[in-house]
């Protein structure tokens, strides 16, 4: 297991130290993602009028929404991969059956 990494990042204009077992680059990407969300929401006047506590809750809800949407997309992609793997298996099976039938008729398979 890699050693623990400490990285100084800027989130919302504040310098913070993030610690974890990921690379410093990864921790910086997390800070960048959060800053992007802050920038996106701070463009909305209604958001800026909310208390800091409510702003934080809204950001947390939005990030949780992003997470669950990404997780759902991964599951859907994994299901598609399984479908494609089954299609490939079925096609290989059909090809083998075709080759066996050709050989049974005394013909050599092509390819």
Protein backbone atom coordinates (compact mmCIF):
# COMPACT_ATOMS: atom_id res chain seq x y z
CA UNK A 1 0.00 0.00 0.00
CA UNK A 2 1.29 3.44 -0.88
CA UNK A 3 2.10 5.89 1.87
CA UNK A 4 -0.24 8.61 2.94
CA UNK A 5 -0.16 11.78 0.84
CA UNK A 6 -0.70 15.31 2.14
CA UNK A 7 -1.55 17.95 -0.44
CA UNK A 8 -2.20 21.63 0.03
CA UNK A 9 -5.20 22.63 -2.06
CA UNK A 10 -7.34 25.71 -2.47
CA UNK A 11 -11.07 25.19 -2.08
CA UNK A 12 -13.39 28.16 -2.10
CA UNK A 13 -10.43 30.51 -1.72
CA UNK A 14 -9.17 28.75 1.43
CA UNK A 15 -5.92 26.81 1.63
CA UNK A 16 -6.56 23.36 3.07
CA UNK A 17 -4.49 20.22 3.51
CA UNK A 18 -6.08 17.08 2.13
CA UNK A 19 -4.68 13.73 3.24
CA UNK A 20 -5.23 10.33 1.71
CA UNK A 21 -3.62 7.33 0.07
CA UNK A 22 -4.20 8.72 -3.41
CA UNK A 23 -1.70 10.77 -5.39
CA UNK A 24 -1.35 14.51 -4.92
CA UNK A 25 -2.62 14.94 -8.48
CA UNK A 26 -5.81 13.08 -7.54
CA UNK A 27 -6.33 15.23 -4.45
CA UNK A 28 -5.85 18.36 -6.59
CA UNK A 29 -8.47 17.03 -9.05
CA UNK A 30 -10.92 16.67 -6.17
CA UNK A 31 -10.28 20.27 -5.12
CA UNK A 32 -10.70 21.38 -8.73
CA UNK A 33 -14.03 19.53 -9.01
CA UNK A 34 -15.33 21.19 -5.82
CA UNK A 35 -14.15 24.62 -7.01
CA UNK A 36 -15.94 24.04 -10.32
CA UNK A 37 -19.16 23.30 -8.46
CA UNK A 38 -18.68 26.38 -6.29
CA UNK A 39 -18.10 28.54 -9.37
CA UNK A 40 -21.15 27.06 -11.09
CA UNK A 41 -23.44 27.73 -8.13
CA UNK A 42 -22.01 31.13 -7.24
CA UNK A 43 -23.18 32.40 -10.64
CA UNK A 44 -26.74 31.97 -9.39
CA UNK A 45 -27.95 34.96 -7.39
CA UNK A 46 -30.51 32.85 -5.52
CA UNK A 47 -27.76 30.52 -4.34
CA UNK A 48 -25.57 33.41 -3.17
CA UNK A 49 -28.47 34.79 -1.07
CA UNK A 50 -28.68 31.55 0.95
CA UNK A 51 -26.85 31.05 4.23
CA UNK A 52 -23.44 29.39 4.01
CA UNK A 53 -24.86 26.30 5.74
CA UNK A 54 -27.63 25.97 3.14
CA UNK A 55 -25.15 26.61 0.32
CA UNK A 56 -23.00 23.76 1.62
CA UNK A 57 -25.99 21.42 1.85
CA UNK A 58 -27.05 22.29 -1.71
CA UNK A 59 -23.52 21.62 -2.96
CA UNK A 60 -23.42 18.31 -1.10
CA UNK A 61 -26.76 17.29 -2.60
CA UNK A 62 -25.55 18.22 -6.07
CA UNK A 63 -22.30 16.25 -5.67
CA UNK A 64 -24.21 13.24 -4.32
CA UNK A 65 -26.48 13.50 -7.38
CA UNK A 66 -23.42 13.51 -9.66
CA UNK A 67 -22.07 10.46 -7.83
CA UNK A 68 -25.28 8.43 -8.12
CA UNK A 69 -25.73 9.36 -11.79
CA UNK A 70 -22.14 8.29 -12.53
CA UNK A 71 -22.65 5.06 -10.57
CA UNK A 72 -25.83 4.32 -12.55
CA UNK A 73 -24.01 5.02 -15.82
CA UNK A 74 -21.22 2.62 -14.83
CA UNK A 75 -23.77 -0.10 -14.05
CA UNK A 76 -25.49 0.46 -17.39
CA UNK A 77 -22.14 0.29 -19.23
CA UNK A 78 -21.17 -2.88 -17.36
CA UNK A 79 -24.50 -4.43 -18.39
CA UNK A 80 -23.84 -3.48 -22.03
CA UNK A 81 -20.38 -5.05 -21.84
CA UNK A 82 -21.92 -8.27 -20.49
CA UNK A 83 -24.47 -8.21 -23.33
CA UNK A 84 -21.73 -7.74 -25.92
CA UNK A 85 -19.65 -10.52 -24.36
CA UNK A 86 -22.67 -12.84 -24.60
CA UNK A 87 -23.21 -11.83 -28.24
CA UNK A 88 -19.56 -12.58 -29.01
CA UNK A 89 -19.81 -15.93 -27.25
CA UNK A 90 -22.98 -16.79 -29.21
CA UNK A 91 -21.35 -15.75 -32.51
CA UNK A 92 -18.27 -17.86 -31.78
CA UNK A 93 -20.54 -20.79 -30.91
CA UNK A 94 -22.45 -20.34 -34.18
CA UNK A 95 -19.18 -20.16 -36.13
CA UNK A 96 -17.91 -23.39 -34.57
CA UNK A 97 -21.23 -25.11 -35.33
CA UNK A 98 -21.01 -23.90 -38.93
CA UNK A 99 -17.44 -25.17 -39.26
CA UNK A 100 -18.41 -28.56 -37.81
CA UNK A 101 -21.31 -28.85 -40.28
CA UNK A 102 -19.02 -27.95 -43.18
CA UNK A 103 -16.45 -30.51 -42.09
CA UNK A 104 -19.24 -33.07 -41.77
CA UNK A 105 -20.15 -32.47 -45.41
CA UNK A 106 -16.54 -33.05 -46.44
CA UNK A 107 -15.76 -29.42 -47.11
CA UNK A 108 -12.94 -27.50 -45.53
CA UNK A 109 -13.96 -24.37 -43.60
CA UNK A 110 -12.89 -21.05 -45.03
CA UNK A 111 -10.47 -18.97 -42.98
